[in-house]
Amino acid sequence: MFRRDLPLLQFGTAPTAADPLPQAFVLTAIVIAFSIAIYMLTLAASGSDDDTEDAS
């Protein structure tokens, strides 16, 4: 039966392997910031005037 090694450990030891958790946090922050920006732009573009008085 074929047994696979742990990921990235064939290139070094466990302490020197890349930690994917900070990368996941950064990617999540980028996705959340992008989605909030799109949501705010959508609200700004679809908003109606709320002025109840005429300027003239």
PDB file of N, CA and C in Angstrom:
ATOM      1  N   MET A   1       0.842  -1.171   0.000  1.00  0.00           N
ATOM      2  CA  MET A   1       0.000   0.000   0.000  1.00  0.00           C
ATOM      3  C   MET A   1       0.894   1.243   0.000  1.00  0.00           C
ATOM      4  N   PHE A   2       0.504   2.228  -0.789  1.00  0.00           N
ATOM      5  CA  PHE A   2       1.261   3.468  -0.911  1.00  0.00           C
ATOM      6  C   PHE A   2       0.912   4.414   0.232  1.00  0.00           C
ATOM      7  N   ARG A   3       1.935   4.897   0.926  1.00  0.00           N
ATOM      8  CA  ARG A   3       1.719   5.841   2.031  1.00  0.00           C
ATOM      9  C   ARG A   3       2.365   7.168   1.666  1.00  0.00           C
ATOM     10  N   ARG A   4       1.597   8.230   1.772  1.00  0.00           N
ATOM     11  CA  ARG A   4       2.116   9.554   1.450  1.00  0.00           C
ATOM     12  C   ARG A   4       2.732  10.186   2.684  1.00  0.00           C
ATOM     13  N   ASP A   5       3.773  10.999   2.470  1.00  0.00           N
ATOM     14  CA  ASP A   5       4.385  11.742   3.559  1.00  0.00           C
ATOM     15  C   ASP A   5       3.534  12.960   3.894  1.00  0.00           C
ATOM     16  N   LEU A   6       3.839  13.586   5.005  1.00  0.00           N
ATOM     17  CA  LEU A   6       3.157  14.816   5.362  1.00  0.00           C
ATOM     18  C   LEU A   6       3.504  15.900   4.340  1.00  0.00           C
ATOM     19  N   PRO A   7       2.597  16.813   4.064  1.00  0.00           N
ATOM     20  CA  PRO A   7       2.864  17.817   3.039  1.00  0.00           C
ATOM     21  C   PRO A   7       4.034  18.716   3.409  1.00  0.00           C
ATOM     22  N   LEU A   8       4.843  19.044   2.446  1.00  0.00           N
ATOM     23  CA  LEU A   8       5.985  19.955   2.527  1.00  0.00           C
ATOM     24  C   LEU A   8       7.126  19.455   3.396  1.00  0.00           C
ATOM     25  N   LEU A   9       7.026  18.306   3.999  1.00  0.00           N
ATOM     26  CA  LEU A   9       8.098  17.843   4.869  1.00  0.00           C
ATOM     27  C   LEU A   9       9.223  17.175   4.091  1.00  0.00           C
ATOM     28  N   GLN A  10       9.016  16.875   2.819  1.00  0.00           N
ATOM     29  CA  GLN A  10      10.109  16.322   2.041  1.00  0.00           C
ATOM     30  C   GLN A  10      11.138  17.396   1.697  1.00  0.00           C
ATOM     31  N   PHE A  11      10.801  18.673   1.880  1.00  0.00           N
ATOM     32  CA  PHE A  11      11.714  19.768   1.598  1.00  0.00           C
ATOM     33  C   PHE A  11      12.430  20.281   2.839  1.00  0.00           C
ATOM     34  N   GLY A  12      12.095  19.818   3.999  1.00  0.00           N
ATOM     35  CA  GLY A  12      12.726  20.290   5.227  1.00  0.00           C
ATOM     36  C   GLY A  12      12.074  19.645   6.439  1.00  0.00           C
ATOM     37  N   THR A  13      12.345  20.210   7.581  1.00  0.00           N
ATOM     38  CA  THR A  13      11.776  19.675   8.814  1.00  0.00           C
ATOM     39  C   THR A  13      10.465  20.383   9.145  1.00  0.00           C
ATOM     40  N   ALA A  14       9.761  19.880  10.123  1.00  0.00           N
ATOM     41  CA  ALA A  14       8.468  20.445  10.499  1.00  0.00           C
ATOM     42  C   ALA A  14       8.557  21.907  10.956  1.00  0.00           C
ATOM     43  N   PRO A  15       9.550  22.317  11.743  1.00  0.00           N
ATOM     44  CA  PRO A  15       9.590  23.729  12.141  1.00  0.00           C
ATOM     45  C   PRO A  15       9.860  24.699  10.995  1.00  0.00           C
ATOM     46  N   THR A  16      10.489  24.238   9.929  1.00  0.00           N
ATOM     47  CA  THR A  16      10.779  25.139   8.814  1.00  0.00           C
ATOM     48  C   THR A  16       9.705  25.106   7.732  1.00  0.00           C
ATOM     49  N   ALA A  17       8.698  24.261   7.870  1.00  0.00           N
ATOM     50  CA  ALA A  17       7.631  24.189   6.873  1.00  0.00           C
ATOM     51  C   ALA A  17       6.745  25.426   6.975  1.00  0.00           C
ATOM     52  N   ALA A  18       6.125  25.799   5.881  1.00  0.00           N
ATOM     53  CA  ALA A  18       5.270  26.980   5.846  1.00  0.00           C
ATOM     54  C   ALA A  18       4.005  26.742   6.651  1.00  0.00           C
ATOM     55  N   ASP A  19       3.609  27.758   7.404  1.00  0.00           N
ATOM     56  CA  ASP A  19       2.380  27.694   8.184  1.00  0.00           C
ATOM     57  C   ASP A  19       1.246  28.297   7.349  1.00  0.00           C
ATOM     58  N   PRO A  20       0.238  27.523   6.993  1.00  0.00           N
ATOM     59  CA  PRO A  20      -0.814  28.048   6.117  1.00  0.00           C
ATOM     60  C   PRO A  20      -1.846  28.910   6.837  1.00  0.00           C
ATOM     61  N   LEU A  21      -1.855  28.933   8.161  1.00  0.00           N
ATOM     62  CA  LEU A  21      -2.877  29.681   8.882  1.00  0.00           C
ATOM     63  C   LEU A  21      -2.800  31.188   8.644  1.00  0.00           C
ATOM     64  N   PRO A  22      -1.626  31.838   8.726  1.00  0.00           N
ATOM     65  CA  PRO A  22      -1.592  33.271   8.420  1.00  0.00           C
ATOM     66  C   PRO A  22      -1.995  33.587   6.982  1.00  0.00           C
ATOM     67  N   GLN A  23      -1.661  32.715   6.065  1.00  0.00           N
ATOM     68  CA  GLN A  23      -2.064  32.909   4.678  1.00  0.00           C
ATOM     69  C   GLN A  23      -3.579  32.833   4.549  1.00  0.00           C
ATOM     70  N   ALA A  24      -4.194  31.933   5.277  1.00  0.00           N
ATOM     71  CA  ALA A  24      -5.656  31.821   5.256  1.00  0.00           C
ATOM     72  C   ALA A  24      -6.308  33.056   5.865  1.00  0.00           C
ATOM     73  N   PHE A  25      -5.724  33.594   6.929  1.00  0.00           N
ATOM     74  CA  PHE A  25      -6.254  34.808   7.541  1.00  0.00           C
ATOM     75  C   PHE A  25      -6.170  35.994   6.579  1.00  0.00           C
ATOM     76  N   VAL A  26      -5.070  36.130   5.885  1.00  0.00           N
ATOM     77  CA  VAL A  26      -4.909  37.235   4.935  1.00  0.00           C
ATOM     78  C   VAL A  26      -5.900  37.096   3.789  1.00  0.00           C
ATOM     79  N   LEU A  27      -6.045  35.911   3.259  1.00  0.00           N
ATOM     80  CA  LEU A  27      -6.996  35.691   2.176  1.00  0.00           C
ATOM     81  C   LEU A  27      -8.424  35.976   2.630  1.00  0.00           C
ATOM     82  N   THR A  28      -8.771  35.564   3.837  1.00  0.00           N
ATOM     83  CA  THR A  28     -10.101  35.829   4.372  1.00  0.00           C
ATOM     84  C   THR A  28     -10.330  37.326   4.539  1.00  0.00           C
ATOM     85  N   ALA A  29      -9.327  38.044   5.029  1.00  0.00           N
ATOM     86  CA  ALA A  29      -9.462  39.492   5.194  1.00  0.00           C
ATOM     87  C   ALA A  29      -9.648  40.189   3.854  1.00  0.00           C
ATOM     88  N   ILE A  30      -8.945  39.733   2.829  1.00  0.00           N
ATOM     89  CA  ILE A  30      -9.090  40.322   1.495  1.00  0.00           C
ATOM     90  C   ILE A  30     -10.496  40.079   0.960  1.00  0.00           C
ATOM     91  N   VAL A  31     -11.000  38.882   1.117  1.00  0.00           N
ATOM     92  CA  VAL A  31     -12.339  38.552   0.617  1.00  0.00           C
ATOM     93  C   VAL A  31     -13.402  39.358   1.360  1.00  0.00           C
ATOM     94  N   ILE A  32     -13.272  39.489   2.675  1.00  0.00           N
ATOM     95  CA  ILE A  32     -14.252  40.251   3.452  1.00  0.00           C
ATOM     96  C   ILE A  32     -14.198  41.729   3.071  1.00  0.00           C
ATOM     97  N   ALA A  33     -13.015  42.294   2.928  1.00  0.00           N
ATOM     98  CA  ALA A  33     -12.893  43.703   2.554  1.00  0.00           C
ATOM     99  C   ALA A  33     -13.474  43.951   1.164  1.00  0.00           C
ATOM    100  N   PHE A  34     -13.216  43.050   0.239  1.00  0.00           N
ATOM    101  CA  PHE A  34     -13.753  43.201  -1.114  1.00  0.00           C
ATOM    102  C   PHE A  34     -15.274  43.117  -1.107  1.00  0.00           C
ATOM    103  N   SER A  35     -15.838  42.187  -0.355  1.00  0.00           N
ATOM    104  CA  SER A  35     -17.286  42.037  -0.335  1.00  0.00           C
ATOM    105  C   SER A  35     -17.956  43.229   0.347  1.00  0.00           C
ATOM    106  N   ILE A  36     -17.343  43.780   1.386  1.00  0.00           N
ATOM    107  CA  ILE A  36     -17.911  44.964   2.032  1.00  0.00           C
ATOM    108  C   ILE A  36     -17.853  46.160   1.085  1.00  0.00           C
ATOM    109  N   ALA A  37     -16.762  46.302   0.352  1.00  0.00           N
ATOM    110  CA  ALA A  37     -16.652  47.401  -0.605  1.00  0.00           C
ATOM    111  C   ALA A  37     -17.715  47.289  -1.695  1.00  0.00           C
ATOM    112  N   ILE A  38     -17.933  46.100  -2.212  1.00  0.00           N
ATOM    113  CA  ILE A  38     -18.962  45.898  -3.241  1.00  0.00           C
ATOM    114  C   ILE A  38     -20.345  46.188  -2.674  1.00  0.00           C
ATOM    115  N   TYR A  39     -20.601  45.757  -1.446  1.00  0.00           N
ATOM    116  CA  TYR A  39     -21.894  46.000  -0.812  1.00  0.00           C
ATOM    117  C   TYR A  39     -22.125  47.497  -0.622  1.00  0.00           C
ATOM    118  N   MET A  40     -21.127  48.226  -0.168  1.00  0.00           N
ATOM    119  CA  MET A  40     -21.267  49.666   0.041  1.00  0.00           C
ATOM    120  C   MET A  40     -21.445  50.401  -1.292  1.00  0.00           C
ATOM    121  N   LEU A  41     -20.712  49.978  -2.333  1.00  0.00           N
ATOM    122  CA  LEU A  41     -20.899  50.591  -3.649  1.00  0.00           C
ATOM    123  C   LEU A  41     -22.298  50.319  -4.200  1.00  0.00           C
ATOM    124  N   THR A  42     -22.818  49.132  -3.945  1.00  0.00           N
ATOM    125  CA  THR A  42     -24.175  48.801  -4.378  1.00  0.00           C
ATOM    126  C   THR A  42     -25.195  49.657  -3.653  1.00  0.00           C
ATOM    127  N   LEU A  43     -25.011  49.846  -2.354  1.00  0.00           N
ATOM    128  CA  LEU A  43     -25.926  50.706  -1.607  1.00  0.00           C
ATOM    129  C   LEU A  43     -25.848  52.149  -2.094  1.00  0.00           C
ATOM    130  N   ALA A  44     -24.648  52.624  -2.387  1.00  0.00           N
ATOM    131  CA  ALA A  44     -24.486  53.996  -2.853  1.00  0.00           C
ATOM    132  C   ALA A  44     -25.103  54.190  -4.233  1.00  0.00           C
ATOM    133  N   ALA A  45     -24.984  53.211  -5.092  1.00  0.00           N
ATOM    134  CA  ALA A  45     -25.505  53.339  -6.447  1.00  0.00           C
ATOM    135  C   ALA A  45     -27.017  53.189  -6.493  1.00  0.00           C
ATOM    136  N   SER A  46     -27.591  52.400  -5.623  1.00  0.00           N
ATOM    137  CA  SER A  46     -29.030  52.161  -5.673  1.00  0.00           C
ATOM    138  C   SER A  46     -29.805  53.030  -4.694  1.00  0.00           C
ATOM    139  N   GLY A  47     -29.125  53.853  -3.933  1.00  0.00           N
ATOM    140  CA  GLY A  47     -29.809  54.708  -2.967  1.00  0.00           C
ATOM    141  C   GLY A  47     -30.599  55.796  -3.661  1.00  0.00           C
ATOM    142  N   SER A  48     -31.692  56.162  -3.055  1.00  0.00           N
ATOM    143  CA  SER A  48     -32.508  57.235  -3.615  1.00  0.00           C
ATOM    144  C   SER A  48     -32.316  58.502  -2.793  1.00  0.00           C
ATOM    145  N   ASP A  49     -32.695  59.614  -3.372  1.00  0.00           N
ATOM    146  CA  ASP A  49     -32.573  60.876  -2.644  1.00  0.00           C
ATOM    147  C   ASP A  49     -33.540  60.876  -1.482  1.00  0.00           C
ATOM    148  N   ASP A  50     -33.077  61.292  -0.335  1.00  0.00           N
ATOM    149  CA  ASP A  50     -33.951  61.346   0.828  1.00  0.00           C
ATOM    150  C   ASP A  50     -34.276  62.788   1.218  1.00  0.00           C
ATOM    151  N   ASP A  51     -34.008  63.713   0.313  1.00  0.00           N
ATOM    152  CA  ASP A  51     -34.350  65.103   0.574  1.00  0.00           C
ATOM    153  C   ASP A  51     -35.862  65.276   0.445  1.00  0.00           C
ATOM    154  N   THR A  52     -36.448  65.912   1.407  1.00  0.00           N
ATOM    155  CA  THR A  52     -37.895  66.120   1.361  1.00  0.00           C
ATOM    156  C   THR A  52     -38.252  67.564   1.030  1.00  0.00           C
ATOM    157  N   GLU A  53     -37.263  68.447   0.937  1.00  0.00           N
ATOM    158  CA  GLU A  53     -37.544  69.844   0.625  1.00  0.00           C
ATOM    159  C   GLU A  53     -37.027  70.189  -0.758  1.00  0.00           C
ATOM    160  N   ASP A  54     -37.724  71.085  -1.409  1.00  0.00           N
ATOM    161  CA  ASP A  54     -37.265  71.590  -2.698  1.00  0.00           C
ATOM    162  C   ASP A  54     -36.227  72.681  -2.481  1.00  0.00           C
ATOM    163  N   ALA A  55     -35.252  72.760  -3.359  1.00  0.00           N
ATOM    164  CA  ALA A  55     -34.209  73.768  -3.235  1.00  0.00           C
ATOM    165  C   ALA A  55     -34.698  75.130  -3.700  1.00  0.00           C
ATOM    166  N   SER A  56     -35.759  75.195  -4.527  1.00  0.00           N
ATOM    167  CA  SER A  56     -36.202  76.481  -5.064  1.00  0.00           C
ATOM    168  C   SER A  56     -37.243  77.162  -4.226  1.00  0.00           C
TER     169      SER A  56
END
